Amino acid sequence: MGLDMFAWSVAQEDVIDDFTITKRDDSYPEVCYWRKHYSLHKWMEALYRSRGGEQVSFNCIPVRLYPEDLQRLEQDIKAQIVSRDDPNDAERDLLFVEEAQIIISQGRAIYYDSWW
């Protein structure tokens, strides 16, 4: 057992709020999948809490990512605030940020979710 993490592309009509989408299944296109990327998960939890998220356990809670969140994430990856041991992982995370920004510019939403 471990931490599985996902980013999904969600149609605007399925967006309810920053933490809620209409379906909780795997029908949304997956943008990225991470495994045991704890610093990224902690970053996402801090984002959740900054938006008023109150669940004690940050597990199975979608969090919407806006362009300004992705810009800050990109900065934090480059500053190694969000990091892993392998430098290739940072490149992969930056590719996610780039792809997510494109998807948002096309009118869809991006949500992060995780499963312990």
C-alpha atoms as a PDB file:
ATOM      1  CA  MET A   1       0.000   0.000   0.000  1.00  0.00           C
ATOM      2  CA  GLY A   2       1.170   3.499  -0.733  1.00  0.00           C
ATOM      3  CA  LEU A   3       0.309   6.908  -2.004  1.00  0.00           C
ATOM      4  CA  ASP A   4      -1.224   7.045  -5.497  1.00  0.00           C
ATOM      5  CA  MET A   5      -1.773  10.503  -6.935  1.00  0.00           C
ATOM      6  CA  PHE A   6      -3.617  11.682 -10.023  1.00  0.00           C
ATOM      7  CA  ALA A   7      -4.390  14.799 -12.029  1.00  0.00           C
ATOM      8  CA  TRP A   8      -7.533  14.757 -14.146  1.00  0.00           C
ATOM      9  CA  SER A   9      -8.914  16.905 -16.932  1.00  0.00           C
ATOM     10  CA  VAL A  10     -12.530  17.754 -16.073  1.00  0.00           C
ATOM     11  CA  ALA A  11     -15.183  19.350 -18.281  1.00  0.00           C
ATOM     12  CA  GLN A  12     -16.496  22.648 -16.891  1.00  0.00           C
ATOM     13  CA  GLU A  13     -20.024  21.256 -16.656  1.00  0.00           C
ATOM     14  CA  ASP A  14     -18.732  18.654 -14.179  1.00  0.00           C
ATOM     15  CA  VAL A  15     -17.185  21.269 -11.860  1.00  0.00           C
ATOM     16  CA  ILE A  16     -19.167  21.944  -8.699  1.00  0.00           C
ATOM     17  CA  ASP A  17     -16.552  23.753  -6.583  1.00  0.00           C
ATOM     18  CA  ASP A  18     -12.851  23.627  -5.676  1.00  0.00           C
ATOM     19  CA  PHE A  19     -13.241  20.253  -3.945  1.00  0.00           C
ATOM     20  CA  THR A  20     -16.187  18.669  -5.742  1.00  0.00           C
ATOM     21  CA  ILE A  21     -16.796  17.282  -9.205  1.00  0.00           C
ATOM     22  CA  THR A  22     -19.954  15.528 -10.385  1.00  0.00           C
ATOM     23  CA  LYS A  23     -18.448  12.041 -10.678  1.00  0.00           C
ATOM     24  CA  ARG A  24     -16.014  10.125  -8.514  1.00  0.00           C
ATOM     25  CA  ASP A  25     -14.795   7.541 -10.977  1.00  0.00           C
ATOM     26  CA  ASP A  26     -12.076   7.067 -13.559  1.00  0.00           C
ATOM     27  CA  SER A  27     -14.069   8.483 -16.491  1.00  0.00           C
ATOM     28  CA  TYR A  28     -12.089  11.738 -16.572  1.00  0.00           C
ATOM     29  CA  PRO A  29      -8.972  11.793 -18.770  1.00  0.00           C
ATOM     30  CA  GLU A  30      -5.855  11.316 -16.646  1.00  0.00           C
ATOM     31  CA  VAL A  31      -3.278  14.042 -17.140  1.00  0.00           C
ATOM     32  CA  CYS A  32      -0.639  12.627 -14.804  1.00  0.00           C
ATOM     33  CA  TYR A  33      -0.100   9.835 -12.305  1.00  0.00           C
ATOM     34  CA  TRP A  34       2.448   9.867  -9.504  1.00  0.00           C
ATOM     35  CA  ARG A  35       3.353   7.250  -6.939  1.00  0.00           C
ATOM     36  CA  LYS A  36       4.673   8.163  -3.488  1.00  0.00           C
ATOM     37  CA  HIS A  37       5.566  11.757  -4.419  1.00  0.00           C
ATOM     38  CA  TYR A  38       5.196  12.970  -0.853  1.00  0.00           C
ATOM     39  CA  SER A  39       6.482  16.519  -1.296  1.00  0.00           C
ATOM     40  CA  LEU A  40       3.965  17.141  -4.083  1.00  0.00           C
ATOM     41  CA  HIS A  41       1.192  15.661  -1.973  1.00  0.00           C
ATOM     42  CA  LYS A  42       2.122  17.937   0.948  1.00  0.00           C
ATOM     43  CA  TRP A  43       2.108  20.899  -1.448  1.00  0.00           C
ATOM     44  CA  MET A  44      -1.395  19.951  -2.619  1.00  0.00           C
ATOM     45  CA  GLU A  45      -2.569  19.525   0.968  1.00  0.00           C
ATOM     46  CA  ALA A  46      -1.296  23.005   1.815  1.00  0.00           C
ATOM     47  CA  LEU A  47      -3.260  24.334  -1.178  1.00  0.00           C
ATOM     48  CA  TYR A  48      -6.359  22.489   0.044  1.00  0.00           C
ATOM     49  CA  ARG A  49      -6.023  23.937   3.536  1.00  0.00           C
ATOM     50  CA  SER A  50      -5.378  27.453   2.188  1.00  0.00           C
ATOM     51  CA  ARG A  51      -8.741  27.259   0.424  1.00  0.00           C
ATOM     52  CA  GLY A  52     -10.544  26.313   3.613  1.00  0.00           C
ATOM     53  CA  GLY A  53     -10.367  22.523   3.350  1.00  0.00           C
ATOM     54  CA  GLU A  54     -11.196  21.090   6.761  1.00  0.00           C
ATOM     55  CA  GLN A  55     -11.064  17.298   6.462  1.00  0.00           C
ATOM     56  CA  VAL A  56      -8.570  15.909   8.974  1.00  0.00           C
ATOM     57  CA  SER A  57      -7.235  13.329   6.532  1.00  0.00           C
ATOM     58  CA  PHE A  58      -6.293  14.688   3.124  1.00  0.00           C
ATOM     59  CA  ASN A  59      -7.193  11.512   1.243  1.00  0.00           C
ATOM     60  CA  CYS A  60      -9.556  11.044  -1.713  1.00  0.00           C
ATOM     61  CA  ILE A  61     -10.277  14.782  -1.843  1.00  0.00           C
ATOM     62  CA  PRO A  62     -10.098  16.432  -5.254  1.00  0.00           C
ATOM     63  CA  VAL A  63      -8.513  19.876  -5.375  1.00  0.00           C
ATOM     64  CA  ARG A  64      -8.943  22.162  -8.348  1.00  0.00           C
ATOM     65  CA  LEU A  65      -5.781  23.692  -9.767  1.00  0.00           C
ATOM     66  CA  TYR A  66      -6.008  27.177 -11.265  1.00  0.00           C
ATOM     67  CA  PRO A  67      -3.397  28.807 -13.543  1.00  0.00           C
ATOM     68  CA  GLU A  68      -1.934  30.768 -10.603  1.00  0.00           C
ATOM     69  CA  ASP A  69      -1.591  27.513  -8.611  1.00  0.00           C
ATOM     70  CA  LEU A  70       0.287  25.933 -11.492  1.00  0.00           C
ATOM     71  CA  GLN A  71       2.572  28.969 -11.767  1.00  0.00           C
ATOM     72  CA  ARG A  72       3.385  28.718  -8.057  1.00  0.00           C
ATOM     73  CA  LEU A  73       3.893  24.958  -8.359  1.00  0.00           C
ATOM     74  CA  GLU A  74       6.290  25.510 -11.245  1.00  0.00           C
ATOM     75  CA  GLN A  75       8.271  28.002  -9.151  1.00  0.00           C
ATOM     76  CA  ASP A  76       8.365  25.611  -6.203  1.00  0.00           C
ATOM     77  CA  ILE A  77       9.539  22.727  -8.391  1.00  0.00           C
ATOM     78  CA  LYS A  78      12.325  24.883  -9.812  1.00  0.00           C
ATOM     79  CA  ALA A  79      13.267  26.016  -6.290  1.00  0.00           C
ATOM     80  CA  GLN A  80      13.267  22.349  -5.209  1.00  0.00           C
ATOM     81  CA  ILE A  81      10.590  22.976  -2.594  1.00  0.00           C
ATOM     82  CA  VAL A  82       8.642  20.240  -4.378  1.00  0.00           C
ATOM     83  CA  SER A  83      11.264  17.637  -5.153  1.00  0.00           C
ATOM     84  CA  ARG A  84      12.280  14.024  -5.334  1.00  0.00           C
ATOM     85  CA  ASP A  85      15.650  12.340  -5.361  1.00  0.00           C
ATOM     86  CA  ASP A  86      15.715  11.798  -9.121  1.00  0.00           C
ATOM     87  CA  PRO A  87      16.139  15.022 -11.168  1.00  0.00           C
ATOM     88  CA  ASN A  88      14.111  13.419 -13.962  1.00  0.00           C
ATOM     89  CA  ASP A  89      11.087  13.580 -11.678  1.00  0.00           C
ATOM     90  CA  ALA A  90      11.326  17.380 -11.602  1.00  0.00           C
ATOM     91  CA  GLU A  91      11.279  17.438 -15.394  1.00  0.00           C
ATOM     92  CA  ARG A  92       8.221  15.207 -15.381  1.00  0.00           C
ATOM     93  CA  ASP A  93       6.498  17.484 -12.858  1.00  0.00           C
ATOM     94  CA  LEU A  94       7.281  20.523 -15.015  1.00  0.00           C
ATOM     95  CA  LEU A  95       5.826  18.747 -18.048  1.00  0.00           C
ATOM     96  CA  PHE A  96       2.667  18.154 -16.028  1.00  0.00           C
ATOM     97  CA  VAL A  97       2.451  21.873 -15.200  1.00  0.00           C
ATOM     98  CA  GLU A  98       2.852  22.762 -18.874  1.00  0.00           C
ATOM     99  CA  GLU A  99       0.239  20.259 -20.027  1.00  0.00           C
ATOM    100  CA  ALA A 100      -2.207  21.323 -17.307  1.00  0.00           C
ATOM    101  CA  GLN A 101      -1.864  24.967 -18.314  1.00  0.00           C
ATOM    102  CA  ILE A 102      -2.687  24.044 -21.919  1.00  0.00           C
ATOM    103  CA  ILE A 103      -5.719  22.026 -20.844  1.00  0.00           C
ATOM    104  CA  ILE A 104      -7.025  24.926 -18.755  1.00  0.00           C
ATOM    105  CA  SER A 105      -6.503  27.326 -21.676  1.00  0.00           C
ATOM    106  CA  GLN A 106      -8.734  25.000 -23.718  1.00  0.00           C
ATOM    107  CA  GLY A 107     -11.599  25.492 -21.263  1.00  0.00           C
ATOM    108  CA  ARG A 108     -11.293  22.414 -19.059  1.00  0.00           C
ATOM    109  CA  ALA A 109     -10.460  22.218 -15.346  1.00  0.00           C
ATOM    110  CA  ILE A 110      -7.624  20.321 -13.666  1.00  0.00           C
ATOM    111  CA  TYR A 111      -8.130  18.469 -10.391  1.00  0.00           C
ATOM    112  CA  TYR A 112      -5.573  16.704  -8.218  1.00  0.00           C
ATOM    113  CA  ASP A 113      -6.667  13.688  -6.188  1.00  0.00           C
ATOM    114  CA  SER A 114      -4.929  11.032  -4.137  1.00  0.00           C
ATOM    115  CA  TRP A 115      -5.500   7.658  -2.571  1.00  0.00           C
ATOM    116  CA  TRP A 116      -3.616   6.208   0.393  1.00  0.00           C
END
